[in-house]
Amino acid sequence: MRRRKIDPERADPENPEWTEEDFRKARPAAEALPASLARKLGVRGPQKTPTKEQINIRLSRAVLEAFRVSGAGWQTRIDEALQDWLKTHRHA
């Protein structure tokens, strides 16, 4: 395994880079955690807001680019824009 050079300005002394020995000793969280916590891994709690439905939709490239450049959460912002549109337009 080729070692990459560590940038001293970005190195975190409280969280050093793992060594080969660290990787050999590593265990999955389900094995390392107490049983009470391990049971909760991958279990999602109740939803706080109504669930959304996953669909496939075709949108223009310009619309997608405009939302994507705004960063993470762009799909949620499309949903919010459509909800705003519904407030001012008649439902069929």
PDB file of N, CA and C in Angstrom:
ATOM      1  N   MET A   1       0.849  -1.184   0.000  1.00  0.00           N
ATOM      2  CA  MET A   1       0.000   0.000   0.000  1.00  0.00           C
ATOM      3  C   MET A   1       0.892   1.245   0.000  1.00  0.00           C
ATOM      4  N   ARG A   2       0.630   2.132  -0.907  1.00  0.00           N
ATOM      5  CA  ARG A   2       1.424   3.354  -1.037  1.00  0.00           C
ATOM      6  C   ARG A   2       0.941   4.388  -0.021  1.00  0.00           C
ATOM      7  N   ARG A   3       1.849   4.914   0.767  1.00  0.00           N
ATOM      8  CA  ARG A   3       1.505   5.913   1.779  1.00  0.00           C
ATOM      9  C   ARG A   3       1.489   7.290   1.136  1.00  0.00           C
ATOM     10  N   ARG A   4       0.461   8.049   1.431  1.00  0.00           N
ATOM     11  CA  ARG A   4       0.433   9.409   0.917  1.00  0.00           C
ATOM     12  C   ARG A   4       1.056  10.350   1.936  1.00  0.00           C
ATOM     13  N   LYS A   5       1.602  11.432   1.463  1.00  0.00           N
ATOM     14  CA  LYS A   5       2.257  12.394   2.331  1.00  0.00           C
ATOM     15  C   LYS A   5       1.202  13.171   3.111  1.00  0.00           C
ATOM     16  N   ILE A   6       1.404  13.313   4.407  1.00  0.00           N
ATOM     17  CA  ILE A   6       0.449  14.017   5.264  1.00  0.00           C
ATOM     18  C   ILE A   6       0.800  15.497   5.293  1.00  0.00           C
ATOM     19  N   ASP A   7      -0.189  16.331   5.047  1.00  0.00           N
ATOM     20  CA  ASP A   7      -0.009  17.773   5.111  1.00  0.00           C
ATOM     21  C   ASP A   7      -0.005  18.168   6.591  1.00  0.00           C
ATOM     22  N   PRO A   8       1.127  18.669   7.129  1.00  0.00           N
ATOM     23  CA  PRO A   8       1.195  18.977   8.556  1.00  0.00           C
ATOM     24  C   PRO A   8       0.184  20.037   9.003  1.00  0.00           C
ATOM     25  N   GLU A   9      -0.215  20.919   8.104  1.00  0.00           N
ATOM     26  CA  GLU A   9      -1.190  21.948   8.469  1.00  0.00           C
ATOM     27  C   GLU A   9      -2.591  21.375   8.633  1.00  0.00           C
ATOM     28  N   ARG A  10      -2.872  20.258   7.972  1.00  0.00           N
ATOM     29  CA  ARG A  10      -4.199  19.654   8.053  1.00  0.00           C
ATOM     30  C   ARG A  10      -4.241  18.467   9.007  1.00  0.00           C
ATOM     31  N   ALA A  11      -3.098  18.044   9.530  1.00  0.00           N
ATOM     32  CA  ALA A  11      -3.045  16.893  10.426  1.00  0.00           C
ATOM     33  C   ALA A  11      -3.726  17.234  11.747  1.00  0.00           C
ATOM     34  N   ASP A  12      -4.453  16.281  12.268  1.00  0.00           N
ATOM     35  CA  ASP A  12      -5.153  16.457  13.546  1.00  0.00           C
ATOM     36  C   ASP A  12      -4.488  15.557  14.575  1.00  0.00           C
ATOM     37  N   PRO A  13      -3.754  16.125  15.538  1.00  0.00           N
ATOM     38  CA  PRO A  13      -3.035  15.298  16.502  1.00  0.00           C
ATOM     39  C   PRO A  13      -3.971  14.453  17.377  1.00  0.00           C
ATOM     40  N   GLU A  14      -5.207  14.875  17.540  1.00  0.00           N
ATOM     41  CA  GLU A  14      -6.151  14.106  18.339  1.00  0.00           C
ATOM     42  C   GLU A  14      -6.804  12.982  17.542  1.00  0.00           C
ATOM     43  N   ASN A  15      -6.603  12.989  16.233  1.00  0.00           N
ATOM     44  CA  ASN A  15      -7.172  11.960  15.366  1.00  0.00           C
ATOM     45  C   ASN A  15      -6.121  11.576  14.324  1.00  0.00           C
ATOM     46  N   PRO A  16      -5.084  10.857  14.761  1.00  0.00           N
ATOM     47  CA  PRO A  16      -3.993  10.541  13.826  1.00  0.00           C
ATOM     48  C   PRO A  16      -4.437   9.589  12.722  1.00  0.00           C
ATOM     49  N   GLU A  17      -3.707   9.621  11.626  1.00  0.00           N
ATOM     50  CA  GLU A  17      -3.993   8.734  10.511  1.00  0.00           C
ATOM     51  C   GLU A  17      -3.769   7.287  10.933  1.00  0.00           C
ATOM     52  N   TRP A  18      -4.633   6.392  10.477  1.00  0.00           N
ATOM     53  CA  TRP A  18      -4.532   4.984  10.854  1.00  0.00           C
ATOM     54  C   TRP A  18      -3.292   4.338  10.256  1.00  0.00           C
ATOM     55  N   THR A  19      -2.720   3.417  11.028  1.00  0.00           N
ATOM     56  CA  THR A  19      -1.586   2.628  10.561  1.00  0.00           C
ATOM     57  C   THR A  19      -2.110   1.286  10.056  1.00  0.00           C
ATOM     58  N   GLU A  20      -1.224   0.503   9.445  1.00  0.00           N
ATOM     59  CA  GLU A  20      -1.612  -0.836   9.002  1.00  0.00           C
ATOM     60  C   GLU A  20      -2.100  -1.661  10.189  1.00  0.00           C
ATOM     61  N   GLU A  21      -1.452  -1.502  11.333  1.00  0.00           N
ATOM     62  CA  GLU A  21      -1.843  -2.228  12.553  1.00  0.00           C
ATOM     63  C   GLU A  21      -3.270  -1.845  12.973  1.00  0.00           C
ATOM     64  N   ASP A  22      -3.597  -0.540  12.898  1.00  0.00           N
ATOM     65  CA  ASP A  22      -4.947  -0.085  13.243  1.00  0.00           C
ATOM     66  C   ASP A  22      -5.985  -0.770  12.352  1.00  0.00           C
ATOM     67  N   PHE A  23      -5.695  -0.846  11.060  1.00  0.00           N
ATOM     68  CA  PHE A  23      -6.637  -1.489  10.136  1.00  0.00           C
ATOM     69  C   PHE A  23      -6.785  -2.979  10.436  1.00  0.00           C
ATOM     70  N   ARG A  24      -5.687  -3.635  10.806  1.00  0.00           N
ATOM     71  CA  ARG A  24      -5.762  -5.070  11.137  1.00  0.00           C
ATOM     72  C   ARG A  24      -6.607  -5.309  12.383  1.00  0.00           C
ATOM     73  N   LYS A  25      -6.534  -4.414  13.360  1.00  0.00           N
ATOM     74  CA  LYS A  25      -7.273  -4.569  14.611  1.00  0.00           C
ATOM     75  C   LYS A  25      -8.744  -4.138  14.493  1.00  0.00           C
ATOM     76  N   ALA A  26      -9.079  -3.407  13.471  1.00  0.00           N
ATOM     77  CA  ALA A  26     -10.429  -2.850  13.341  1.00  0.00           C
ATOM     78  C   ALA A  26     -11.478  -3.951  13.234  1.00  0.00           C
ATOM     79  N   ARG A  27     -12.629  -3.707  13.819  1.00  0.00           N
ATOM     80  CA  ARG A  27     -13.758  -4.635  13.791  1.00  0.00           C
ATOM     81  C   ARG A  27     -15.020  -3.869  13.405  1.00  0.00           C
ATOM     82  N   PRO A  28     -15.996  -4.540  12.813  1.00  0.00           N
ATOM     83  CA  PRO A  28     -17.263  -3.872  12.498  1.00  0.00           C
ATOM     84  C   PRO A  28     -17.909  -3.333  13.775  1.00  0.00           C
ATOM     85  N   ALA A  29     -18.628  -2.244  13.641  1.00  0.00           N
ATOM     86  CA  ALA A  29     -19.269  -1.623  14.800  1.00  0.00           C
ATOM     87  C   ALA A  29     -20.182  -2.597  15.527  1.00  0.00           C
ATOM     88  N   ALA A  30     -20.865  -3.465  14.800  1.00  0.00           N
ATOM     89  CA  ALA A  30     -21.766  -4.430  15.426  1.00  0.00           C
ATOM     90  C   ALA A  30     -21.015  -5.363  16.375  1.00  0.00           C
ATOM     91  N   GLU A  31     -19.730  -5.606  16.104  1.00  0.00           N
ATOM     92  CA  GLU A  31     -18.918  -6.456  16.982  1.00  0.00           C
ATOM     93  C   GLU A  31     -18.310  -5.655  18.128  1.00  0.00           C
ATOM     94  N   ALA A  32     -17.983  -4.405  17.879  1.00  0.00           N
ATOM     95  CA  ALA A  32     -17.256  -3.603  18.857  1.00  0.00           C
ATOM     96  C   ALA A  32     -18.161  -2.917  19.875  1.00  0.00           C
ATOM     97  N   LEU A  33     -19.403  -2.616  19.504  1.00  0.00           N
ATOM     98  CA  LEU A  33     -20.314  -1.899  20.399  1.00  0.00           C
ATOM     99  C   LEU A  33     -21.025  -2.859  21.338  1.00  0.00           C
ATOM    100  N   PRO A  34     -21.488  -2.345  22.476  1.00  0.00           N
ATOM    101  CA  PRO A  34     -22.318  -3.176  23.347  1.00  0.00           C
ATOM    102  C   PRO A  34     -23.576  -3.614  22.602  1.00  0.00           C
ATOM    103  N   ALA A  35     -24.133  -4.736  22.988  1.00  0.00           N
ATOM    104  CA  ALA A  35     -25.303  -5.294  22.295  1.00  0.00           C
ATOM    105  C   ALA A  35     -26.454  -4.301  22.244  1.00  0.00           C
ATOM    106  N   SER A  36     -26.640  -3.508  23.304  1.00  0.00           N
ATOM    107  CA  SER A  36     -27.759  -2.554  23.329  1.00  0.00           C
ATOM    108  C   SER A  36     -27.640  -1.511  22.223  1.00  0.00           C
ATOM    109  N   LEU A  37     -26.420  -1.108  21.893  1.00  0.00           N
ATOM    110  CA  LEU A  37     -26.216  -0.141  20.812  1.00  0.00           C
ATOM    111  C   LEU A  37     -26.158  -0.826  19.457  1.00  0.00           C
ATOM    112  N   ALA A  38     -25.563  -1.998  19.402  1.00  0.00           N
ATOM    113  CA  ALA A  38     -25.413  -2.711  18.139  1.00  0.00           C
ATOM    114  C   ALA A  38     -26.773  -3.037  17.534  1.00  0.00           C
ATOM    115  N   ARG A  39     -27.775  -3.303  18.373  1.00  0.00           N
ATOM    116  CA  ARG A  39     -29.119  -3.611  17.863  1.00  0.00           C
ATOM    117  C   ARG A  39     -29.723  -2.422  17.119  1.00  0.00           C
ATOM    118  N   LYS A  40     -29.310  -1.217  17.475  1.00  0.00           N
ATOM    119  CA  LYS A  40     -29.892  -0.012  16.885  1.00  0.00           C
ATOM    120  C   LYS A  40     -29.229   0.395  15.571  1.00  0.00           C
ATOM    121  N   LEU A  41     -28.133  -0.259  15.205  1.00  0.00           N
ATOM    122  CA  LEU A  41     -27.450   0.094  13.964  1.00  0.00           C
ATOM    123  C   LEU A  41     -28.378  -0.132  12.778  1.00  0.00           C
ATOM    124  N   GLY A  42     -28.516   0.867  11.936  1.00  0.00           N
ATOM    125  CA  GLY A  42     -29.312   0.737  10.726  1.00  0.00           C
ATOM    126  C   GLY A  42     -30.806   0.797  10.956  1.00  0.00           C
ATOM    127  N   VAL A  43     -31.231   1.068  12.202  1.00  0.00           N
ATOM    128  CA  VAL A  43     -32.661   1.167  12.485  1.00  0.00           C
ATOM    129  C   VAL A  43     -33.026   2.633  12.514  1.00  0.00           C
ATOM    130  N   ARG A  44     -33.967   2.990  11.710  1.00  0.00           N
ATOM    131  CA  ARG A  44     -34.383   4.374  11.598  1.00  0.00           C
ATOM    132  C   ARG A  44     -35.589   4.620  12.485  1.00  0.00           C
ATOM    133  N   GLY A  45     -35.616   5.736  13.134  1.00  0.00           N
ATOM    134  CA  GLY A  45     -36.731   6.097  14.001  1.00  0.00           C
ATOM    135  C   GLY A  45     -37.937   6.530  13.191  1.00  0.00           C
ATOM    136  N   PRO A  46     -39.029   6.851  13.881  1.00  0.00           N
ATOM    137  CA  PRO A  46     -40.231   7.280  13.171  1.00  0.00           C
ATOM    138  C   PRO A  46     -39.997   8.593  12.425  1.00  0.00           C
ATOM    139  N   GLN A  47     -40.650   8.748  11.299  1.00  0.00           N
ATOM    140  CA  GLN A  47     -40.489   9.961  10.500  1.00  0.00           C
ATOM    141  C   GLN A  47     -41.179  11.139  11.174  1.00  0.00           C
ATOM    142  N   LYS A  48     -40.514  12.274  11.164  1.00  0.00           N
ATOM    143  CA  LYS A  48     -41.072  13.469  11.781  1.00  0.00           C
ATOM    144  C   LYS A  48     -42.001  14.216  10.828  1.00  0.00           C
ATOM    145  N   THR A  49     -41.788  14.024   9.539  1.00  0.00           N
ATOM    146  CA  THR A  49     -42.640  14.664   8.540  1.00  0.00           C
ATOM    147  C   THR A  49     -43.194  13.573   7.638  1.00  0.00           C
ATOM    148  N   PRO A  50     -44.267  13.862   6.927  1.00  0.00           N
ATOM    149  CA  PRO A  50     -44.813  12.841   6.024  1.00  0.00           C
ATOM    150  C   PRO A  50     -43.747  12.373   5.037  1.00  0.00           C
ATOM    151  N   THR A  51     -43.802  11.115   4.692  1.00  0.00           N
ATOM    152  CA  THR A  51     -42.813  10.574   3.769  1.00  0.00           C
ATOM    153  C   THR A  51     -43.047  11.112   2.363  1.00  0.00           C
ATOM    154  N   LYS A  52     -41.984  11.137   1.622  1.00  0.00           N
ATOM    155  CA  LYS A  52     -42.060  11.544   0.221  1.00  0.00           C
ATOM    156  C   LYS A  52     -42.090  10.291  -0.627  1.00  0.00           C
ATOM    157  N   GLU A  53     -42.614  10.426  -1.803  1.00  0.00           N
ATOM    158  CA  GLU A  53     -42.685   9.292  -2.725  1.00  0.00           C
ATOM    159  C   GLU A  53     -41.590   9.430  -3.763  1.00  0.00           C
ATOM    160  N   GLN A  54     -40.842   8.364  -3.972  1.00  0.00           N
ATOM    161  CA  GLN A  54     -39.778   8.390  -4.971  1.00  0.00           C
ATOM    162  C   GLN A  54     -40.377   8.159  -6.350  1.00  0.00           C
ATOM    163  N   ILE A  55     -40.020   9.055  -7.285  1.00  0.00           N
ATOM    164  CA  ILE A  55     -40.522   8.963  -8.665  1.00  0.00           C
ATOM    165  C   ILE A  55     -39.368   9.240  -9.625  1.00  0.00           C
ATOM    166  N   ASN A  56     -39.614   9.023 -10.889  1.00  0.00           N
ATOM    167  CA  ASN A  56     -38.697   9.449 -11.949  1.00  0.00           C
ATOM    168  C   ASN A  56     -39.390  10.585 -12.677  1.00  0.00           C
ATOM    169  N   ILE A  57     -38.652  11.658 -12.908  1.00  0.00           N
ATOM    170  CA  ILE A  57     -39.225  12.825 -13.589  1.00  0.00           C
ATOM    171  C   ILE A  57     -38.162  13.404 -14.519  1.00  0.00           C
ATOM    172  N   ARG A  58     -38.598  13.884 -15.652  1.00  0.00           N
ATOM    173  CA  ARG A  58     -37.671  14.520 -16.587  1.00  0.00           C
ATOM    174  C   ARG A  58     -37.800  16.032 -16.449  1.00  0.00           C
ATOM    175  N   LEU A  59     -36.683  16.681 -16.162  1.00  0.00           N
ATOM    176  CA  LEU A  59     -36.647  18.136 -16.027  1.00  0.00           C
ATOM    177  C   LEU A  59     -35.622  18.685 -17.012  1.00  0.00           C
ATOM    178  N   SER A  60     -35.790  19.934 -17.385  1.00  0.00           N
ATOM    179  CA  SER A  60     -34.828  20.534 -18.318  1.00  0.00           C
ATOM    180  C   SER A  60     -33.462  20.650 -17.642  1.00  0.00           C
ATOM    181  N   ARG A  61     -32.449  20.615 -18.470  1.00  0.00           N
ATOM    182  CA  ARG A  61     -31.076  20.725 -17.970  1.00  0.00           C
ATOM    183  C   ARG A  61     -30.882  22.044 -17.220  1.00  0.00           C
ATOM    184  N   ALA A  62     -31.471  23.112 -17.728  1.00  0.00           N
ATOM    185  CA  ALA A  62     -31.323  24.418 -17.080  1.00  0.00           C
ATOM    186  C   ALA A  62     -31.902  24.415 -15.669  1.00  0.00           C
ATOM    187  N   VAL A  63     -33.057  23.777 -15.486  1.00  0.00           N
ATOM    188  CA  VAL A  63     -33.674  23.702 -14.161  1.00  0.00           C
ATOM    189  C   VAL A  63     -32.772  22.895 -13.220  1.00  0.00           C
ATOM    190  N   LEU A  64     -32.320  21.733 -13.685  1.00  0.00           N
ATOM    191  CA  LEU A  64     -31.461  20.906 -12.836  1.00  0.00           C
ATOM    192  C   LEU A  64     -30.178  21.623 -12.456  1.00  0.00           C
ATOM    193  N   GLU A  65     -29.532  22.245 -13.412  1.00  0.00           N
ATOM    194  CA  GLU A  65     -28.276  22.937 -13.122  1.00  0.00           C
ATOM    195  C   GLU A  65     -28.495  24.064 -12.127  1.00  0.00           C
ATOM    196  N   ALA A  66     -29.592  24.809 -12.289  1.00  0.00           N
ATOM    197  CA  ALA A  66     -29.865  25.923 -11.387  1.00  0.00           C
ATOM    198  C   ALA A  66     -30.047  25.443  -9.950  1.00  0.00           C
ATOM    199  N   PHE A  67     -30.719  24.317  -9.773  1.00  0.00           N
ATOM    200  CA  PHE A  67     -30.918  23.794  -8.419  1.00  0.00           C
ATOM    201  C   PHE A  67     -29.653  23.115  -7.892  1.00  0.00           C
ATOM    202  N   ARG A  68     -28.950  22.380  -8.732  1.00  0.00           N
ATOM    203  CA  ARG A  68     -27.759  21.658  -8.271  1.00  0.00           C
ATOM    204  C   ARG A  68     -26.645  22.601  -7.830  1.00  0.00           C
ATOM    205  N   VAL A  69     -26.462  23.720  -8.530  1.00  0.00           N
ATOM    206  CA  VAL A  69     -25.381  24.638  -8.143  1.00  0.00           C
ATOM    207  C   VAL A  69     -25.642  25.278  -6.790  1.00  0.00           C
ATOM    208  N   SER A  70     -26.876  25.203  -6.315  1.00  0.00           N
ATOM    209  CA  SER A  70     -27.183  25.787  -4.998  1.00  0.00           C
ATOM    210  C   SER A  70     -26.739  24.880  -3.866  1.00  0.00           C
ATOM    211  N   GLY A  71     -26.201  23.706  -4.194  1.00  0.00           N
ATOM    212  CA  GLY A  71     -25.619  22.842  -3.173  1.00  0.00           C
ATOM    213  C   GLY A  71     -26.534  21.731  -2.708  1.00  0.00           C
ATOM    214  N   ALA A  72     -26.097  21.082  -1.618  1.00  0.00           N
ATOM    215  CA  ALA A  72     -26.835  19.958  -1.055  1.00  0.00           C
ATOM    216  C   ALA A  72     -28.266  20.375  -0.723  1.00  0.00           C
ATOM    217  N   GLY A  73     -29.189  19.453  -0.898  1.00  0.00           N
ATOM    218  CA  GLY A  73     -30.593  19.735  -0.628  1.00  0.00           C
ATOM    219  C   GLY A  73     -31.348  20.244  -1.840  1.00  0.00           C
ATOM    220  N   TRP A  74     -30.737  20.144  -3.013  1.00  0.00           N
ATOM    221  CA  TRP A  74     -31.373  20.697  -4.214  1.00  0.00           C
ATOM    222  C   TRP A  74     -32.688  19.996  -4.542  1.00  0.00           C
ATOM    223  N   GLN A  75     -32.799  18.694  -4.270  1.00  0.00           N
ATOM    224  CA  GLN A  75     -34.053  17.991  -4.548  1.00  0.00           C
ATOM    225  C   GLN A  75     -35.158  18.488  -3.625  1.00  0.00           C
ATOM    226  N   THR A  76     -34.810  18.759  -2.378  1.00  0.00           N
ATOM    227  CA  THR A  76     -35.783  19.307  -1.432  1.00  0.00           C
ATOM    228  C   THR A  76     -36.238  20.680  -1.900  1.00  0.00           C
ATOM    229  N   ARG A  77     -35.318  21.482  -2.426  1.00  0.00           N
ATOM    230  CA  ARG A  77     -35.702  22.814  -2.911  1.00  0.00           C
ATOM    231  C   ARG A  77     -36.604  22.725  -4.136  1.00  0.00           C
ATOM    232  N   ILE A  78     -36.413  21.726  -4.981  1.00  0.00           N
ATOM    233  CA  ILE A  78     -37.337  21.529  -6.109  1.00  0.00           C
ATOM    234  C   ILE A  78     -38.720  21.203  -5.560  1.00  0.00           C
ATOM    235  N   ASP A  79     -38.792  20.334  -4.563  1.00  0.00           N
ATOM    236  CA  ASP A  79     -40.067  19.981  -3.940  1.00  0.00           C
ATOM    237  C   ASP A  79     -40.735  21.229  -3.353  1.00  0.00           C
ATOM    238  N   GLU A  80     -39.962  22.078  -2.672  1.00  0.00           N
ATOM    239  CA  GLU A  80     -40.515  23.307  -2.089  1.00  0.00           C
ATOM    240  C   GLU A  80     -41.017  24.252  -3.170  1.00  0.00           C
ATOM    241  N   ALA A  81     -40.284  24.354  -4.293  1.00  0.00           N
ATOM    242  CA  ALA A  81     -40.711  25.228  -5.391  1.00  0.00           C
ATOM    243  C   ALA A  81     -42.024  24.733  -5.986  1.00  0.00           C
ATOM    244  N   LEU A  82     -42.164  23.424  -6.119  1.00  0.00           N
ATOM    245  CA  LEU A  82     -43.414  22.873  -6.645  1.00  0.00           C
ATOM    246  C   LEU A  82     -44.563  23.071  -5.659  1.00  0.00           C
ATOM    247  N   GLN A  83     -44.282  22.966  -4.372  1.00  0.00           N
ATOM    248  CA  GLN A  83     -45.327  23.222  -3.377  1.00  0.00           C
ATOM    249  C   GLN A  83     -45.771  24.675  -3.425  1.00  0.00           C
ATOM    250  N   ASP A  84     -44.820  25.610  -3.595  1.00  0.00           N
ATOM    251  CA  ASP A  84     -45.185  27.028  -3.736  1.00  0.00           C
ATOM    252  C   ASP A  84     -46.053  27.243  -4.968  1.00  0.00           C
ATOM    253  N   TRP A  85     -45.723  26.586  -6.057  1.00  0.00           N
ATOM    254  CA  TRP A  85     -46.485  26.707  -7.295  1.00  0.00           C
ATOM    255  C   TRP A  85     -47.933  26.251  -7.053  1.00  0.00           C
ATOM    256  N   LEU A  86     -48.078  25.167  -6.306  1.00  0.00           N
ATOM    257  CA  LEU A  86     -49.422  24.635  -6.030  1.00  0.00           C
ATOM    258  C   LEU A  86     -50.286  25.615  -5.250  1.00  0.00           C
ATOM    259  N   LYS A  87     -49.674  26.466  -4.432  1.00  0.00           N
ATOM    260  CA  LYS A  87     -50.430  27.444  -3.635  1.00  0.00           C
ATOM    261  C   LYS A  87     -51.120  28.479  -4.513  1.00  0.00           C
ATOM    262  N   THR A  88     -50.561  28.750  -5.690  1.00  0.00           N
ATOM    263  CA  THR A  88     -51.112  29.799  -6.551  1.00  0.00           C
ATOM    264  C   THR A  88     -51.791  29.264  -7.807  1.00  0.00           C
ATOM    265  N   HIS A  89     -51.856  27.963  -7.961  1.00  0.00           N
ATOM    266  CA  HIS A  89     -52.477  27.375  -9.150  1.00  0.00           C
ATOM    267  C   HIS A  89     -53.553  26.391  -8.727  1.00  0.00           C
ATOM    268  N   ARG A  90     -54.543  26.330  -9.557  1.00  0.00           N
ATOM    269  CA  ARG A  90     -55.690  25.482  -9.286  1.00  0.00           C
ATOM    270  C   ARG A  90     -55.328  24.020  -9.443  1.00  0.00           C
ATOM    271  N   HIS A  91     -55.795  23.192  -8.511  1.00  0.00           N
ATOM    272  CA  HIS A  91     -55.573  21.752  -8.610  1.00  0.00           C
ATOM    273  C   HIS A  91     -56.553  21.149  -9.593  1.00  0.00           C
ATOM    274  N   ALA A  92     -56.119  20.162 -10.299  1.00  0.00           N
ATOM    275  CA  ALA A  92     -57.004  19.510 -11.278  1.00  0.00           C
ATOM    276  C   ALA A  92     -57.936  18.561 -10.593  1.00  0.00           C
TER     277      ALA A  92
END
